[in-house]
Amino acid sequence: MKMIIATIKPFKLEEVREALTSIGVSGLMVTEIKGFGAQSGHTEIYRGAEYEVNFVPKVRLDLVVPSGLADQVVDTITQTARTGKIGDGKIFVLDVEQAIRVRTGETNHGAL
């Protein structure tokens, strides 16, 4: 099993969710986050005062999928979330040793 952690632009969330559902992903967790990197924020004006916004809003997706589906999930997220502009996000893929469904006690692939 693989855990896929992806950060994407918030307005791409629904489109990415639909694309993942269409390839057989049965669930994911979503967290609203802020971060900085190459995009590095911007300047805004509030009540006449200019200030710098260093952290940019993003959405973090956490998914655990069978190893055989991981490459397709990464490709789907990459293609769907891409705008071609700086700040499109990042994807990380990690190995998962064990998964347990709390309600039923099912383990590993059965828990997904």
PDB file of N, CA and C in Angstrom:
ATOM      1  N   MET A   1       0.843  -1.183   0.000  1.00  0.00           N
ATOM      2  CA  MET A   1       0.000   0.000   0.000  1.00  0.00           C
ATOM      3  C   MET A   1       0.883   1.238   0.000  1.00  0.00           C
ATOM      4  N   LYS A   2       0.356   2.302  -0.573  1.00  0.00           N
ATOM      5  CA  LYS A   2       1.081   3.567  -0.649  1.00  0.00           C
ATOM      6  C   LYS A   2       0.217   4.692  -0.087  1.00  0.00           C
ATOM      7  N   MET A   3       0.861   5.599   0.632  1.00  0.00           N
ATOM      8  CA  MET A   3       0.192   6.822   1.060  1.00  0.00           C
ATOM      9  C   MET A   3       0.639   7.926   0.127  1.00  0.00           C
ATOM     10  N   ILE A   4      -0.323   8.633  -0.395  1.00  0.00           N
ATOM     11  CA  ILE A   4      -0.042   9.744  -1.295  1.00  0.00           C
ATOM     12  C   ILE A   4      -0.477  11.019  -0.597  1.00  0.00           C
ATOM     13  N   ILE A   5       0.460  11.939  -0.453  1.00  0.00           N
ATOM     14  CA  ILE A   5       0.195  13.249   0.137  1.00  0.00           C
ATOM     15  C   ILE A   5       0.383  14.264  -0.976  1.00  0.00           C
ATOM     16  N   ALA A   6      -0.666  15.012  -1.265  1.00  0.00           N
ATOM     17  CA  ALA A   6      -0.593  15.995  -2.343  1.00  0.00           C
ATOM     18  C   ALA A   6      -1.039  17.348  -1.826  1.00  0.00           C
ATOM     19  N   THR A   7      -0.330  18.404  -2.219  1.00  0.00           N
ATOM     20  CA  THR A   7      -0.788  19.764  -1.955  1.00  0.00           C
ATOM     21  C   THR A   7      -1.165  20.372  -3.294  1.00  0.00           C
ATOM     22  N   ILE A   8      -2.351  20.973  -3.337  1.00  0.00           N
ATOM     23  CA  ILE A   8      -2.860  21.556  -4.581  1.00  0.00           C
ATOM     24  C   ILE A   8      -3.501  22.903  -4.290  1.00  0.00           C
ATOM     25  N   LYS A   9      -3.800  23.631  -5.346  1.00  0.00           N
ATOM     26  CA  LYS A   9      -4.523  24.894  -5.196  1.00  0.00           C
ATOM     27  C   LYS A   9      -5.971  24.594  -4.810  1.00  0.00           C
ATOM     28  N   PRO A  10      -6.539  25.370  -3.890  1.00  0.00           N
ATOM     29  CA  PRO A  10      -7.883  25.068  -3.377  1.00  0.00           C
ATOM     30  C   PRO A  10      -8.973  24.984  -4.445  1.00  0.00           C
ATOM     31  N   PHE A  11      -8.909  25.818  -5.478  1.00  0.00           N
ATOM     32  CA  PHE A  11      -9.974  25.813  -6.477  1.00  0.00           C
ATOM     33  C   PHE A  11      -9.946  24.564  -7.361  1.00  0.00           C
ATOM     34  N   LYS A  12      -8.900  23.759  -7.254  1.00  0.00           N
ATOM     35  CA  LYS A  12      -8.789  22.522  -8.028  1.00  0.00           C
ATOM     36  C   LYS A  12      -9.319  21.301  -7.264  1.00  0.00           C
ATOM     37  N   LEU A  13      -9.703  21.462  -6.009  1.00  0.00           N
ATOM     38  CA  LEU A  13     -10.083  20.336  -5.162  1.00  0.00           C
ATOM     39  C   LEU A  13     -11.211  19.497  -5.756  1.00  0.00           C
ATOM     40  N   GLU A  14     -12.308  20.097  -6.120  1.00  0.00           N
ATOM     41  CA  GLU A  14     -13.463  19.333  -6.603  1.00  0.00           C
ATOM     42  C   GLU A  14     -13.141  18.604  -7.904  1.00  0.00           C
ATOM     43  N   GLU A  15     -12.425  19.239  -8.784  1.00  0.00           N
ATOM     44  CA  GLU A  15     -12.031  18.613 -10.046  1.00  0.00           C
ATOM     45  C   GLU A  15     -11.127  17.397  -9.797  1.00  0.00           C
ATOM     46  N   VAL A  16     -10.180  17.529  -8.874  1.00  0.00           N
ATOM     47  CA  VAL A  16      -9.287  16.420  -8.529  1.00  0.00           C
ATOM     48  C   VAL A  16     -10.078  15.300  -7.864  1.00  0.00           C
ATOM     49  N   ARG A  17     -10.988  15.634  -6.961  1.00  0.00           N
ATOM     50  CA  ARG A  17     -11.802  14.614  -6.293  1.00  0.00           C
ATOM     51  C   ARG A  17     -12.609  13.806  -7.303  1.00  0.00           C
ATOM     52  N   GLU A  18     -13.233  14.488  -8.257  1.00  0.00           N
ATOM     53  CA  GLU A  18     -14.020  13.799  -9.282  1.00  0.00           C
ATOM     54  C   GLU A  18     -13.145  12.882 -10.126  1.00  0.00           C
ATOM     55  N   ALA A  19     -11.958  13.351 -10.500  1.00  0.00           N
ATOM     56  CA  ALA A  19     -11.047  12.543 -11.312  1.00  0.00           C
ATOM     57  C   ALA A  19     -10.583  11.308 -10.541  1.00  0.00           C
ATOM     58  N   LEU A  20     -10.289  11.467  -9.251  1.00  0.00           N
ATOM     59  CA  LEU A  20      -9.856  10.327  -8.444  1.00  0.00           C
ATOM     60  C   LEU A  20     -10.985   9.316  -8.262  1.00  0.00           C
ATOM     61  N   THR A  21     -12.191   9.793  -8.062  1.00  0.00           N
ATOM     62  CA  THR A  21     -13.346   8.900  -7.932  1.00  0.00           C
ATOM     63  C   THR A  21     -13.532   8.083  -9.212  1.00  0.00           C
ATOM     64  N   SER A  22     -13.323   8.719 -10.357  1.00  0.00           N
ATOM     65  CA  SER A  22     -13.525   8.037 -11.637  1.00  0.00           C
ATOM     66  C   SER A  22     -12.507   6.930 -11.894  1.00  0.00           C
ATOM     67  N   ILE A  23     -11.341   6.945 -11.210  1.00  0.00           N
ATOM     68  CA  ILE A  23     -10.363   5.868 -11.391  1.00  0.00           C
ATOM     69  C   ILE A  23     -10.428   4.837 -10.265  1.00  0.00           C
ATOM     70  N   GLY A  24     -11.388   4.987  -9.355  1.00  0.00           N
ATOM     71  CA  GLY A  24     -11.598   3.968  -8.341  1.00  0.00           C
ATOM     72  C   GLY A  24     -11.108   4.281  -6.945  1.00  0.00           C
ATOM     73  N   VAL A  25     -10.699   5.518  -6.685  1.00  0.00           N
ATOM     74  CA  VAL A  25     -10.298   5.900  -5.328  1.00  0.00           C
ATOM     75  C   VAL A  25     -11.571   6.036  -4.501  1.00  0.00           C
ATOM     76  N   SER A  26     -11.628   5.311  -3.373  1.00  0.00           N
ATOM     77  CA  SER A  26     -12.868   5.270  -2.598  1.00  0.00           C
ATOM     78  C   SER A  26     -12.921   6.273  -1.461  1.00  0.00           C
ATOM     79  N   GLY A  27     -11.807   6.943  -1.154  1.00  0.00           N
ATOM     80  CA  GLY A  27     -11.846   7.922  -0.082  1.00  0.00           C
ATOM     81  C   GLY A  27     -10.541   8.691   0.014  1.00  0.00           C
ATOM     82  N   LEU A  28     -10.635   9.863   0.611  1.00  0.00           N
ATOM     83  CA  LEU A  28      -9.449  10.676   0.845  1.00  0.00           C
ATOM     84  C   LEU A  28      -9.739  11.647   1.970  1.00  0.00           C
ATOM     85  N   MET A  29      -8.683  12.165   2.545  1.00  0.00           N
ATOM     86  CA  MET A  29      -8.819  13.171   3.603  1.00  0.00           C
ATOM     87  C   MET A  29      -8.322  14.496   3.052  1.00  0.00           C
ATOM     88  N   VAL A  30      -8.998  15.571   3.417  1.00  0.00           N
ATOM     89  CA  VAL A  30      -8.662  16.901   2.925  1.00  0.00           C
ATOM     90  C   VAL A  30      -8.430  17.827   4.112  1.00  0.00           C
ATOM     91  N   THR A  31      -7.340  18.593   4.044  1.00  0.00           N
ATOM     92  CA  THR A  31      -7.017  19.559   5.083  1.00  0.00           C
ATOM     93  C   THR A  31      -6.683  20.890   4.420  1.00  0.00           C
ATOM     94  N   GLU A  32      -7.243  21.967   4.933  1.00  0.00           N
ATOM     95  CA  GLU A  32      -6.856  23.293   4.453  1.00  0.00           C
ATOM     96  C   GLU A  32      -5.556  23.674   5.148  1.00  0.00           C
ATOM     97  N   ILE A  33      -4.561  24.055   4.362  1.00  0.00           N
ATOM     98  CA  ILE A  33      -3.249  24.388   4.907  1.00  0.00           C
ATOM     99  C   ILE A  33      -2.758  25.702   4.332  1.00  0.00           C
ATOM    100  N   LYS A  34      -1.664  26.201   4.884  1.00  0.00           N
ATOM    101  CA  LYS A  34      -0.964  27.354   4.332  1.00  0.00           C
ATOM    102  C   LYS A  34       0.498  26.968   4.221  1.00  0.00           C
ATOM    103  N   GLY A  35       1.169  27.475   3.217  1.00  0.00           N
ATOM    104  CA  GLY A  35       2.573  27.151   3.061  1.00  0.00           C
ATOM    105  C   GLY A  35       3.281  28.191   2.222  1.00  0.00           C
ATOM    106  N   PHE A  36       4.581  28.022   2.106  1.00  0.00           N
ATOM    107  CA  PHE A  36       5.337  28.881   1.218  1.00  0.00           C
ATOM    108  C   PHE A  36       6.412  28.065   0.533  1.00  0.00           C
ATOM    109  N   GLY A  37       6.797  28.521  -0.616  1.00  0.00           N
ATOM    110  CA  GLY A  37       7.819  27.859  -1.423  1.00  0.00           C
ATOM    111  C   GLY A  37       8.181  28.803  -2.546  1.00  0.00           C
ATOM    112  N   ALA A  38       8.257  28.269  -3.744  1.00  0.00           N
ATOM    113  CA  ALA A  38       8.619  29.092  -4.906  1.00  0.00           C
ATOM    114  C   ALA A  38       7.613  30.214  -5.143  1.00  0.00           C
ATOM    115  N   GLN A  39       6.341  29.958  -4.801  1.00  0.00           N
ATOM    116  CA  GLN A  39       5.300  30.975  -5.000  1.00  0.00           C
ATOM    117  C   GLN A  39       5.507  32.155  -4.060  1.00  0.00           C
ATOM    118  N   SER A  40       5.952  31.923  -2.878  1.00  0.00           N
ATOM    119  CA  SER A  40       6.422  32.872  -1.866  1.00  0.00           C
ATOM    120  C   SER A  40       5.506  34.035  -1.495  1.00  0.00           C
ATOM    121  N   GLY A  41       4.224  33.903  -1.656  1.00  0.00           N
ATOM    122  CA  GLY A  41       3.316  34.927  -1.153  1.00  0.00           C
ATOM    123  C   GLY A  41       3.163  36.132  -2.062  1.00  0.00           C
ATOM    124  N   HIS A  42       2.475  37.147  -1.528  1.00  0.00           N
ATOM    125  CA  HIS A  42       2.182  38.345  -2.310  1.00  0.00           C
ATOM    126  C   HIS A  42       1.881  39.500  -1.362  1.00  0.00           C
ATOM    127  N   THR A  43       1.697  40.677  -1.931  1.00  0.00           N
ATOM    128  CA  THR A  43       1.388  41.863  -1.145  1.00  0.00           C
ATOM    129  C   THR A  43      -0.093  42.197  -1.302  1.00  0.00           C
ATOM    130  N   GLU A  44      -0.747  42.545  -0.193  1.00  0.00           N
ATOM    131  CA  GLU A  44      -2.150  42.956  -0.209  1.00  0.00           C
ATOM    132  C   GLU A  44      -2.286  44.298   0.494  1.00  0.00           C
ATOM    133  N   ILE A  45      -3.391  44.985   0.205  1.00  0.00           N
ATOM    134  CA  ILE A  45      -3.691  46.247   0.869  1.00  0.00           C
ATOM    135  C   ILE A  45      -4.967  46.056   1.677  1.00  0.00           C
ATOM    136  N   TYR A  46      -4.912  46.373   2.972  1.00  0.00           N
ATOM    137  CA  TYR A  46      -6.054  46.256   3.857  1.00  0.00           C
ATOM    138  C   TYR A  46      -6.200  47.562   4.608  1.00  0.00           C
ATOM    139  N   ARG A  47      -7.355  48.220   4.440  1.00  0.00           N
ATOM    140  CA  ARG A  47      -7.640  49.508   5.076  1.00  0.00           C
ATOM    141  C   ARG A  47      -6.520  50.513   4.830  1.00  0.00           C
ATOM    142  N   GLY A  48      -6.049  50.526   3.613  1.00  0.00           N
ATOM    143  CA  GLY A  48      -5.044  51.505   3.216  1.00  0.00           C
ATOM    144  C   GLY A  48      -3.620  51.152   3.557  1.00  0.00           C
ATOM    145  N   ALA A  49      -3.416  50.086   4.330  1.00  0.00           N
ATOM    146  CA  ALA A  49      -2.054  49.677   4.699  1.00  0.00           C
ATOM    147  C   ALA A  49      -1.642  48.472   3.860  1.00  0.00           C
ATOM    148  N   GLU A  50      -0.435  48.534   3.371  1.00  0.00           N
ATOM    149  CA  GLU A  50       0.084  47.436   2.567  1.00  0.00           C
ATOM    150  C   GLU A  50       0.802  46.440   3.467  1.00  0.00           C
ATOM    151  N   TYR A  51       0.523  45.163   3.279  1.00  0.00           N
ATOM    152  CA  TYR A  51       1.226  44.149   4.057  1.00  0.00           C
ATOM    153  C   TYR A  51       1.489  42.933   3.180  1.00  0.00           C
ATOM    154  N   GLU A  52       2.491  42.181   3.587  1.00  0.00           N
ATOM    155  CA  GLU A  52       2.918  41.029   2.803  1.00  0.00           C
ATOM    156  C   GLU A  52       2.308  39.747   3.362  1.00  0.00           C
ATOM    157  N   VAL A  53       1.744  38.936   2.472  1.00  0.00           N
ATOM    158  CA  VAL A  53       1.200  37.639   2.840  1.00  0.00           C
ATOM    159  C   VAL A  53       2.247  36.596   2.463  1.00  0.00           C
ATOM    160  N   ASN A  54       2.899  36.017   3.467  1.00  0.00           N
ATOM    161  CA  ASN A  54       3.985  35.073   3.209  1.00  0.00           C
ATOM    162  C   ASN A  54       3.516  33.644   3.017  1.00  0.00           C
ATOM    163  N   PHE A  55       2.379  33.285   3.585  1.00  0.00           N
ATOM    164  CA  PHE A  55       1.865  31.932   3.454  1.00  0.00           C
ATOM    165  C   PHE A  55       0.678  31.923   2.502  1.00  0.00           C
ATOM    166  N   VAL A  56       0.713  30.986   1.574  1.00  0.00           N
ATOM    167  CA  VAL A  56      -0.310  30.891   0.531  1.00  0.00           C
ATOM    168  C   VAL A  56      -1.259  29.743   0.884  1.00  0.00           C
ATOM    169  N   PRO A  57      -2.584  29.956   0.766  1.00  0.00           N
ATOM    170  CA  PRO A  57      -3.525  28.873   1.072  1.00  0.00           C
ATOM    171  C   PRO A  57      -3.408  27.733   0.064  1.00  0.00           C
ATOM    172  N   LYS A  58      -3.430  26.517   0.580  1.00  0.00           N
ATOM    173  CA  LYS A  58      -3.378  25.299  -0.229  1.00  0.00           C
ATOM    174  C   LYS A  58      -4.337  24.290   0.378  1.00  0.00           C
ATOM    175  N   VAL A  59      -4.524  23.178  -0.315  1.00  0.00           N
ATOM    176  CA  VAL A  59      -5.308  22.066   0.194  1.00  0.00           C
ATOM    177  C   VAL A  59      -4.402  20.844   0.187  1.00  0.00           C
ATOM    178  N   ARG A  60      -4.414  20.095   1.285  1.00  0.00           N
ATOM    179  CA  ARG A  60      -3.623  18.868   1.384  1.00  0.00           C
ATOM    180  C   ARG A  60      -4.565  17.676   1.258  1.00  0.00           C
ATOM    181  N   LEU A  61      -4.224  16.759   0.366  1.00  0.00           N
ATOM    182  CA  LEU A  61      -4.967  15.517   0.185  1.00  0.00           C
ATOM    183  C   LEU A  61      -4.118  14.378   0.741  1.00  0.00           C
ATOM    184  N   ASP A  62      -4.720  13.515   1.535  1.00  0.00           N
ATOM    185  CA  ASP A  62      -4.061  12.309   2.043  1.00  0.00           C
ATOM    186  C   ASP A  62      -4.876  11.114   1.574  1.00  0.00           C
ATOM    187  N   LEU A  63      -4.227  10.188   0.855  1.00  0.00           N
ATOM    188  CA  LEU A  63      -4.893   8.992   0.359  1.00  0.00           C
ATOM    189  C   LEU A  63      -4.004   7.794   0.623  1.00  0.00           C
ATOM    190  N   VAL A  64      -4.604   6.651   0.948  1.00  0.00           N
ATOM    191  CA  VAL A  64      -3.879   5.393   0.995  1.00  0.00           C
ATOM    192  C   VAL A  64      -4.542   4.493  -0.032  1.00  0.00           C
ATOM    193  N   VAL A  65      -3.724   3.987  -0.959  1.00  0.00           N
ATOM    194  CA  VAL A  65      -4.240   3.186  -2.069  1.00  0.00           C
ATOM    195  C   VAL A  65      -3.386   1.924  -2.225  1.00  0.00           C
ATOM    196  N   PRO A  66      -3.934   0.899  -2.889  1.00  0.00           N
ATOM    197  CA  PRO A  66      -3.101  -0.263  -3.199  1.00  0.00           C
ATOM    198  C   PRO A  66      -1.900   0.160  -4.042  1.00  0.00           C
ATOM    199  N   SER A  67      -0.774  -0.500  -3.859  1.00  0.00           N
ATOM    200  CA  SER A  67       0.457  -0.134  -4.572  1.00  0.00           C
ATOM    201  C   SER A  67       0.269  -0.087  -6.081  1.00  0.00           C
ATOM    202  N   GLY A  68      -0.537  -0.986  -6.620  1.00  0.00           N
ATOM    203  CA  GLY A  68      -0.762  -1.032  -8.062  1.00  0.00           C
ATOM    204  C   GLY A  68      -1.523   0.156  -8.615  1.00  0.00           C
ATOM    205  N   LEU A  69      -2.212   0.884  -7.758  1.00  0.00           N
ATOM    206  CA  LEU A  69      -2.998   2.047  -8.188  1.00  0.00           C
ATOM    207  C   LEU A  69      -2.243   3.359  -7.992  1.00  0.00           C
ATOM    208  N   ALA A  70      -1.142   3.323  -7.264  1.00  0.00           N
ATOM    209  CA  ALA A  70      -0.445   4.553  -6.866  1.00  0.00           C
ATOM    210  C   ALA A  70       0.012   5.397  -8.051  1.00  0.00           C
ATOM    211  N   ASP A  71       0.631   4.787  -9.060  1.00  0.00           N
ATOM    212  CA  ASP A  71       1.112   5.564 -10.209  1.00  0.00           C
ATOM    213  C   ASP A  71      -0.028   6.247 -10.940  1.00  0.00           C
ATOM    214  N   GLN A  72      -1.157   5.549 -11.086  1.00  0.00           N
ATOM    215  CA  GLN A  72      -2.319   6.134 -11.757  1.00  0.00           C
ATOM    216  C   GLN A  72      -2.895   7.297 -10.943  1.00  0.00           C
ATOM    217  N   VAL A  73      -2.903   7.165  -9.621  1.00  0.00           N
ATOM    218  CA  VAL A  73      -3.386   8.248  -8.761  1.00  0.00           C
ATOM    219  C   VAL A  73      -2.478   9.470  -8.892  1.00  0.00           C
ATOM    220  N   VAL A  74      -1.171   9.255  -8.859  1.00  0.00           N
ATOM    221  CA  VAL A  74      -0.221  10.365  -9.000  1.00  0.00           C
ATOM    222  C   VAL A  74      -0.406  11.047 -10.353  1.00  0.00           C
ATOM    223  N   ASP A  75      -0.533  10.268 -11.423  1.00  0.00           N
ATOM    224  CA  ASP A  75      -0.742  10.851 -12.760  1.00  0.00           C
ATOM    225  C   ASP A  75      -2.045  11.642 -12.829  1.00  0.00           C
ATOM    226  N   THR A  76      -3.097  11.095 -12.223  1.00  0.00           N
ATOM    227  CA  THR A  76      -4.404  11.771 -12.235  1.00  0.00           C
ATOM    228  C   THR A  76      -4.346  13.097 -11.491  1.00  0.00           C
ATOM    229  N   ILE A  77      -3.737  13.110 -10.309  1.00  0.00           N
ATOM    230  CA  ILE A  77      -3.617  14.349  -9.545  1.00  0.00           C
ATOM    231  C   ILE A  77      -2.775  15.354 -10.321  1.00  0.00           C
ATOM    232  N   THR A  78      -1.648  14.892 -10.868  1.00  0.00           N
ATOM    233  CA  THR A  78      -0.745  15.779 -11.599  1.00  0.00           C
ATOM    234  C   THR A  78      -1.460  16.431 -12.781  1.00  0.00           C
ATOM    235  N   GLN A  79      -2.152  15.644 -13.571  1.00  0.00           N
ATOM    236  CA  GLN A  79      -2.824  16.179 -14.759  1.00  0.00           C
ATOM    237  C   GLN A  79      -3.997  17.082 -14.400  1.00  0.00           C
ATOM    238  N   THR A  80      -4.754  16.704 -13.371  1.00  0.00           N
ATOM    239  CA  THR A  80      -5.968  17.449 -13.023  1.00  0.00           C
ATOM    240  C   THR A  80      -5.655  18.741 -12.274  1.00  0.00           C
ATOM    241  N   ALA A  81      -4.648  18.728 -11.412  1.00  0.00           N
ATOM    242  CA  ALA A  81      -4.335  19.900 -10.586  1.00  0.00           C
ATOM    243  C   ALA A  81      -3.450  20.909 -11.302  1.00  0.00           C
ATOM    244  N   ARG A  82      -2.856  20.529 -12.417  1.00  0.00           N
ATOM    245  CA  ARG A  82      -1.902  21.402 -13.104  1.00  0.00           C
ATOM    246  C   ARG A  82      -2.600  22.601 -13.752  1.00  0.00           C
ATOM    247  N   THR A  83      -2.070  23.791 -13.450  1.00  0.00           N
ATOM    248  CA  THR A  83      -2.515  25.008 -14.136  1.00  0.00           C
ATOM    249  C   THR A  83      -1.409  25.533 -15.038  1.00  0.00           C
ATOM    250  N   GLY A  84      -0.192  25.038 -14.819  1.00  0.00           N
ATOM    251  CA  GLY A  84       0.955  25.514 -15.583  1.00  0.00           C
ATOM    252  C   GLY A  84       1.608  26.737 -14.980  1.00  0.00           C
ATOM    253  N   LYS A  85       1.097  27.159 -13.819  1.00  0.00           N
ATOM    254  CA  LYS A  85       1.657  28.335 -13.146  1.00  0.00           C
ATOM    255  C   LYS A  85       2.353  27.899 -11.867  1.00  0.00           C
ATOM    256  N   ILE A  86       3.203  28.769 -11.365  1.00  0.00           N
ATOM    257  CA  ILE A  86       3.925  28.488 -10.130  1.00  0.00           C
ATOM    258  C   ILE A  86       2.926  28.267  -8.990  1.00  0.00           C
ATOM    259  N   GLY A  87       3.239  27.323  -8.105  1.00  0.00           N
ATOM    260  CA  GLY A  87       2.368  27.062  -6.962  1.00  0.00           C
ATOM    261  C   GLY A  87       1.344  25.975  -7.193  1.00  0.00           C
ATOM    262  N   ASP A  88       1.493  25.174  -8.256  1.00  0.00           N
ATOM    263  CA  ASP A  88       0.531  24.097  -8.519  1.00  0.00           C
ATOM    264  C   ASP A  88       0.555  23.020  -7.446  1.00  0.00           C
ATOM    265  N   GLY A  89       1.657  22.860  -6.720  1.00  0.00           N
ATOM    266  CA  GLY A  89       1.681  21.927  -5.608  1.00  0.00           C
ATOM    267  C   GLY A  89       2.777  20.900  -5.696  1.00  0.00           C
ATOM    268  N   LYS A  90       2.699  19.922  -4.803  1.00  0.00           N
ATOM    269  CA  LYS A  90       3.666  18.840  -4.701  1.00  0.00           C
ATOM    270  C   LYS A  90       2.917  17.549  -4.398  1.00  0.00           C
ATOM    271  N   ILE A  91       3.566  16.415  -4.735  1.00  0.00           N
ATOM    272  CA  ILE A  91       3.021  15.098  -4.410  1.00  0.00           C
ATOM    273  C   ILE A  91       4.146  14.267  -3.802  1.00  0.00           C
ATOM    274  N   PHE A  92       3.838  13.599  -2.694  1.00  0.00           N
ATOM    275  CA  PHE A  92       4.786  12.710  -2.032  1.00  0.00           C
ATOM    276  C   PHE A  92       4.155  11.330  -1.945  1.00  0.00           C
ATOM    277  N   VAL A  93       4.943  10.284  -2.171  1.00  0.00           N
ATOM    278  CA  VAL A  93       4.454   8.906  -2.101  1.00  0.00           C
ATOM    279  C   VAL A  93       5.286   8.164  -1.056  1.00  0.00           C
ATOM    280  N   LEU A  94       4.587   7.559  -0.066  1.00  0.00           N
ATOM    281  CA  LEU A  94       5.259   6.838   1.022  1.00  0.00           C
ATOM    282  C   LEU A  94       4.712   5.415   1.124  1.00  0.00           C
ATOM    283  N   ASP A  95       5.530   4.511   1.638  1.00  0.00           N
ATOM    284  CA  ASP A  95       5.071   3.155   1.896  1.00  0.00           C
ATOM    285  C   ASP A  95       4.224   3.129   3.168  1.00  0.00           C
ATOM    286  N   VAL A  96       3.189   2.284   3.163  1.00  0.00           N
ATOM    287  CA  VAL A  96       2.333   2.093   4.337  1.00  0.00           C
ATOM    288  C   VAL A  96       2.486   0.652   4.790  1.00  0.00           C
ATOM    289  N   GLU A  97       2.833   0.457   6.047  1.00  0.00           N
ATOM    290  CA  GLU A  97       3.039  -0.887   6.567  1.00  0.00           C
ATOM    291  C   GLU A  97       1.738  -1.574   6.941  1.00  0.00           C
ATOM    292  N   GLN A  98       0.779  -0.822   7.481  1.00  0.00           N
ATOM    293  CA  GLN A  98      -0.451  -1.440   7.954  1.00  0.00           C
ATOM    294  C   GLN A  98      -1.584  -0.430   7.950  1.00  0.00           C
ATOM    295  N   ALA A  99      -2.783  -0.920   7.667  1.00  0.00           N
ATOM    296  CA  ALA A  99      -3.995  -0.098   7.750  1.00  0.00           C
ATOM    297  C   ALA A  99      -5.059  -0.913   8.474  1.00  0.00           C
ATOM    298  N   ILE A 100      -5.838  -0.250   9.319  1.00  0.00           N
ATOM    299  CA  ILE A 100      -6.882  -0.931  10.093  1.00  0.00           C
ATOM    300  C   ILE A 100      -8.144  -0.085  10.051  1.00  0.00           C
ATOM    301  N   ARG A 101      -9.256  -0.719   9.700  1.00  0.00           N
ATOM    302  CA  ARG A 101     -10.551  -0.031   9.771  1.00  0.00           C
ATOM    303  C   ARG A 101     -11.071  -0.178  11.202  1.00  0.00           C
ATOM    304  N   VAL A 102     -11.252   0.911  11.894  1.00  0.00           N
ATOM    305  CA  VAL A 102     -11.611   0.894  13.307  1.00  0.00           C
ATOM    306  C   VAL A 102     -12.952   0.189  13.534  1.00  0.00           C
ATOM    307  N   ARG A 103     -13.944   0.474  12.715  1.00  0.00           N
ATOM    308  CA  ARG A 103     -15.296  -0.064  12.920  1.00  0.00           C
ATOM    309  C   ARG A 103     -15.344  -1.583  12.854  1.00  0.00           C
ATOM    310  N   THR A 104     -14.650  -2.183  11.874  1.00  0.00           N
ATOM    311  CA  THR A 104     -14.776  -3.633  11.645  1.00  0.00           C
ATOM    312  C   THR A 104     -13.541  -4.439  12.020  1.00  0.00           C
ATOM    313  N   GLY A 105     -12.420  -3.770  12.192  1.00  0.00           N
ATOM    314  CA  GLY A 105     -11.188  -4.477  12.471  1.00  0.00           C
ATOM    315  C   GLY A 105     -10.496  -5.010  11.222  1.00  0.00           C
ATOM    316  N   GLU A 106     -11.067  -4.745  10.036  1.00  0.00           N
ATOM    317  CA  GLU A 106     -10.430  -5.181   8.795  1.00  0.00           C
ATOM    318  C   GLU A 106      -9.042  -4.562   8.706  1.00  0.00           C
ATOM    319  N   THR A 107      -8.117  -5.301   8.077  1.00  0.00           N
ATOM    320  CA  THR A 107      -6.753  -4.817   7.980  1.00  0.00           C
ATOM    321  C   THR A 107      -6.301  -4.708   6.540  1.00  0.00           C
ATOM    322  N   ASN A 108      -5.283  -3.893   6.353  1.00  0.00           N
ATOM    323  CA  ASN A 108      -4.583  -3.684   5.085  1.00  0.00           C
ATOM    324  C   ASN A 108      -5.533  -3.389   3.926  1.00  0.00           C
ATOM    325  N   HIS A 109      -5.513  -4.162   2.847  1.00  0.00           N
ATOM    326  CA  HIS A 109      -6.342  -3.818   1.672  1.00  0.00           C
ATOM    327  C   HIS A 109      -7.839  -3.825   1.995  1.00  0.00           C
ATOM    328  N   GLY A 110      -8.238  -4.683   2.908  1.00  0.00           N
ATOM    329  CA  GLY A 110      -9.647  -4.715   3.319  1.00  0.00           C
ATOM    330  C   GLY A 110     -10.064  -3.456   4.049  1.00  0.00           C
ATOM    331  N   ALA A 111      -9.108  -2.768   4.650  1.00  0.00           N
ATOM    332  CA  ALA A 111      -9.417  -1.551   5.397  1.00  0.00           C
ATOM    333  C   ALA A 111      -9.527  -0.333   4.485  1.00  0.00           C
ATOM    334  N   LEU A 112      -9.049  -0.457   3.248  1.00  0.00           N
ATOM    335  CA  LEU A 112      -9.097   0.690   2.345  1.00  0.00           C
ATOM    336  C   LEU A 112     -10.495   0.844   1.784  1.00  0.00           C
TER     337      LEU A 112
END
